[in-house]
């Protein structure tokens, strides 16, 4: 049997939890409700341009060859351990329906929601970056990131049409990007 004192303190904890939950459900401010709202406002997502195999179009990747695939992204500071490239059978949502080019990127009208929609349709395949380095590849004042992936790690299928980048910025924001891909030897 529980002691009377233990049972009372347990009831107090349960009541506080129930009140906090009810406060969140009905919009009444509480410490728990405030923490949840604060977490949602601090959650951020950024998009940037990405160029798979810079200088090539179409971005042909040999799925069976164990060769490096270079990817430029227009963001200077990413957490290397957070980078993953995800194959998608949906086409990249560019106006031209062609390759992204780091010298003339077409990513500005693409939102996090657009790329999230593509990510939600993927089948779980993804590859981490083998190498990550910072370099100013497009000649503007800000830095960019050069990523290297192993083509075999991408597990490309003949139906894949896009590669989606998911990473985290140095400040903790989610970073998303997309470019087209043309797999061969699948």
Protein backbone atom coordinates (compact mmCIF):
# COMPACT_ATOMS: atom_id res chain seq x y z
CA UNK A 1 0.00 0.00 0.00
CA UNK A 2 1.05 3.54 -0.70
CA UNK A 3 1.63 5.90 2.13
CA UNK A 4 -0.91 8.69 2.47
CA UNK A 5 1.76 11.32 1.77
CA UNK A 6 2.96 9.55 -1.40
CA UNK A 7 -0.59 9.19 -2.70
CA UNK A 8 -1.26 12.92 -2.17
CA UNK A 9 1.89 14.01 -4.01
CA UNK A 10 1.08 11.61 -6.86
CA UNK A 11 -2.43 13.11 -7.12
CA UNK A 12 -0.95 16.62 -7.24
CA UNK A 13 1.39 15.64 -10.08
CA UNK A 14 -1.45 13.99 -12.00
CA UNK A 15 -3.71 17.05 -11.48
CA UNK A 16 -1.00 19.42 -12.73
CA UNK A 17 -0.45 17.26 -15.79
CA UNK A 18 -4.18 17.10 -16.50
CA UNK A 19 -4.55 20.87 -16.07
CA UNK A 20 -1.59 21.57 -18.31
CA UNK A 21 -2.98 19.21 -20.95
CA UNK A 22 -6.42 20.79 -20.69
CA UNK A 23 -4.85 24.24 -20.91
CA UNK A 24 -3.13 23.34 -24.14
CA UNK A 25 -6.29 21.79 -25.54
CA UNK A 26 -8.44 24.83 -24.74
CA UNK A 27 -5.85 27.52 -25.38
CA UNK A 28 -5.40 28.45 -21.71
CA UNK A 29 -1.82 29.49 -21.05
CA UNK A 30 0.20 27.08 -18.96
CA UNK A 31 3.86 26.28 -18.66
CA UNK A 32 3.48 23.22 -20.84
CA UNK A 33 1.39 25.10 -23.41
CA UNK A 34 3.89 27.95 -23.52
CA UNK A 35 6.80 25.58 -24.04
CA UNK A 36 4.99 23.86 -26.95
CA UNK A 37 4.11 27.16 -28.64
CA UNK A 38 7.67 28.39 -28.17
CA UNK A 39 9.09 25.20 -29.72
CA UNK A 40 6.86 25.65 -32.78
CA UNK A 41 7.99 29.25 -33.33
CA UNK A 42 11.65 28.27 -32.98
CA UNK A 43 11.25 25.44 -35.51
CA UNK A 44 12.50 26.79 -38.83
CA UNK A 45 13.08 25.50 -42.32
CA UNK A 46 15.18 27.00 -45.11
CA UNK A 47 15.52 26.13 -48.79
CA UNK A 48 18.53 26.70 -51.00
CA UNK A 49 19.76 25.76 -54.46
CA UNK A 50 21.43 22.43 -55.06
CA UNK A 51 23.36 21.34 -58.16
CA UNK A 52 23.97 17.61 -58.59
CA UNK A 53 27.03 16.96 -60.78
CA UNK A 54 27.81 20.65 -61.47
CA UNK A 55 28.36 21.39 -65.15
CA UNK A 56 26.33 18.37 -66.30
CA UNK A 57 22.77 18.22 -67.54
CA UNK A 58 21.11 15.77 -67.40
CA UNK A 59 22.60 14.74 -64.06
CA UNK A 60 23.41 11.17 -65.08
CA UNK A 61 24.48 8.93 -62.19
CA UNK A 62 25.66 5.36 -62.75
CA UNK A 63 23.81 3.44 -60.03
CA UNK A 64 26.16 0.43 -60.10
CA UNK A 65 29.50 2.21 -60.30
CA UNK A 66 31.24 3.00 -57.07
CA UNK A 67 32.04 6.57 -58.07
CA UNK A 68 31.82 9.91 -56.27
CA UNK A 69 28.86 12.18 -56.98
CA UNK A 70 29.57 15.86 -56.32
CA UNK A 71 26.75 18.09 -55.12
CA UNK A 72 26.96 21.87 -54.58
CA UNK A 73 24.52 23.54 -52.22
CA UNK A 74 24.04 27.25 -51.70
CA UNK A 75 24.41 27.24 -47.93
CA UNK A 76 27.71 27.92 -46.17
CA UNK A 77 27.26 26.15 -42.86
CA UNK A 78 25.69 22.70 -42.53
CA UNK A 79 26.18 20.08 -39.86
CA UNK A 80 28.00 17.28 -41.73
CA UNK A 81 26.39 14.48 -39.72
CA UNK A 82 22.90 15.75 -40.61
CA UNK A 83 23.32 15.66 -44.41
CA UNK A 84 21.39 13.03 -46.36
CA UNK A 85 20.44 12.74 -50.02
CA UNK A 86 17.10 11.07 -50.75
CA UNK A 87 16.09 9.64 -54.17
CA UNK A 88 12.55 10.45 -55.34
CA UNK A 89 10.50 9.24 -58.29
CA UNK A 90 8.78 12.65 -58.51
CA UNK A 91 10.23 15.32 -60.77
CA UNK A 92 11.93 18.40 -59.34
CA UNK A 93 9.39 21.26 -59.32
CA UNK A 94 11.32 23.66 -61.57
CA UNK A 95 9.69 25.77 -64.24
CA UNK A 96 12.02 24.37 -66.90
CA UNK A 97 11.77 20.75 -65.63
CA UNK A 98 15.49 20.50 -66.23
CA UNK A 99 18.63 20.52 -64.13
CA UNK A 100 19.38 23.00 -61.41
CA UNK A 101 22.47 25.07 -62.24
CA UNK A 102 24.51 26.70 -59.52
CA UNK A 103 25.24 29.71 -61.74
CA UNK A 104 21.52 30.22 -62.55
CA UNK A 105 19.52 28.43 -59.86
CA UNK A 106 15.73 28.10 -60.08
CA UNK A 107 14.99 27.27 -56.45
CA UNK A 108 13.51 30.55 -55.19
CA UNK A 109 9.87 29.56 -55.79
CA UNK A 110 10.30 26.18 -54.08
CA UNK A 111 9.16 26.07 -50.48
CA UNK A 112 9.91 23.72 -47.61
CA UNK A 113 6.35 22.42 -48.00
CA UNK A 114 7.03 21.55 -51.67
CA UNK A 115 10.12 19.52 -50.78
CA UNK A 116 8.44 18.03 -47.69
CA UNK A 117 5.68 16.80 -50.01
CA UNK A 118 8.28 15.04 -52.15
CA UNK A 119 10.01 13.62 -49.05
CA UNK A 120 6.73 12.21 -47.75
CA UNK A 121 6.40 10.13 -50.94
CA UNK A 122 9.87 8.56 -50.74
CA UNK A 123 10.49 4.94 -49.76
CA UNK A 124 13.15 5.39 -47.06
CA UNK A 125 16.30 5.21 -49.17
CA UNK A 126 18.92 7.84 -48.32
CA UNK A 127 22.68 8.30 -48.36
CA UNK A 128 24.96 10.26 -46.03
CA UNK A 129 27.67 12.51 -47.41
CA UNK A 130 31.18 11.01 -47.60
CA UNK A 131 32.82 14.45 -47.57
CA UNK A 132 31.69 17.96 -46.70
CA UNK A 133 33.69 21.14 -47.35
CA UNK A 134 33.00 24.86 -47.57
CA UNK A 135 33.90 26.71 -50.74
CA UNK A 136 32.59 29.71 -52.67
CA UNK A 137 31.65 27.94 -55.90
CA UNK A 138 29.31 30.50 -57.46
CA UNK A 139 31.52 33.57 -57.06
CA UNK A 140 29.19 35.61 -54.84
CA UNK A 141 30.11 36.97 -51.43
CA UNK A 142 28.68 34.11 -49.36
CA UNK A 143 30.05 30.60 -49.00
CA UNK A 144 28.62 27.38 -50.37
CA UNK A 145 29.00 23.73 -49.42
CA UNK A 146 30.49 21.00 -51.59
CA UNK A 147 29.24 17.52 -50.74
CA UNK A 148 30.47 14.18 -52.04
CA UNK A 149 28.30 11.06 -52.06
CA UNK A 150 29.08 7.52 -53.20
CA UNK A 151 26.84 6.60 -56.15
CA UNK A 152 26.22 3.08 -54.76
CA UNK A 153 25.03 4.49 -51.42
CA UNK A 154 22.22 6.36 -53.22
CA UNK A 155 20.54 3.04 -54.21
CA UNK A 156 19.07 4.67 -57.33
CA UNK A 157 16.24 3.02 -59.29
CA UNK A 158 15.39 3.61 -62.92
CA UNK A 159 12.19 5.42 -61.85
CA UNK A 160 14.03 8.05 -59.74
CA UNK A 161 13.78 11.58 -61.15
CA UNK A 162 14.98 13.82 -58.30
CA UNK A 163 17.43 13.92 -55.44
CA UNK A 164 16.27 15.68 -52.29
CA UNK A 165 18.71 17.12 -49.79
CA UNK A 166 17.84 17.20 -46.13
CA UNK A 167 20.30 18.70 -43.64
CA UNK A 168 20.56 20.98 -40.64
CA UNK A 169 22.13 24.42 -40.71
CA UNK A 170 24.74 25.46 -38.16
CA UNK A 171 22.05 27.44 -36.33
CA UNK A 172 19.75 24.42 -36.08
CA UNK A 173 17.29 25.14 -38.91
CA UNK A 174 16.21 22.38 -41.25
CA UNK A 175 17.66 22.82 -44.75
CA UNK A 176 15.99 21.38 -47.87
CA UNK A 177 16.95 21.40 -51.55
CA UNK A 178 16.15 19.51 -54.76
CA UNK A 179 17.66 18.78 -58.17
CA UNK A 180 16.90 16.35 -60.98
CA UNK A 181 18.74 13.07 -61.57
CA UNK A 182 18.95 10.55 -64.42
CA UNK A 183 19.99 7.10 -63.11
CA UNK A 184 21.64 4.63 -65.50
CA UNK A 185 22.61 0.94 -65.05
CA UNK A 186 19.96 0.29 -62.42
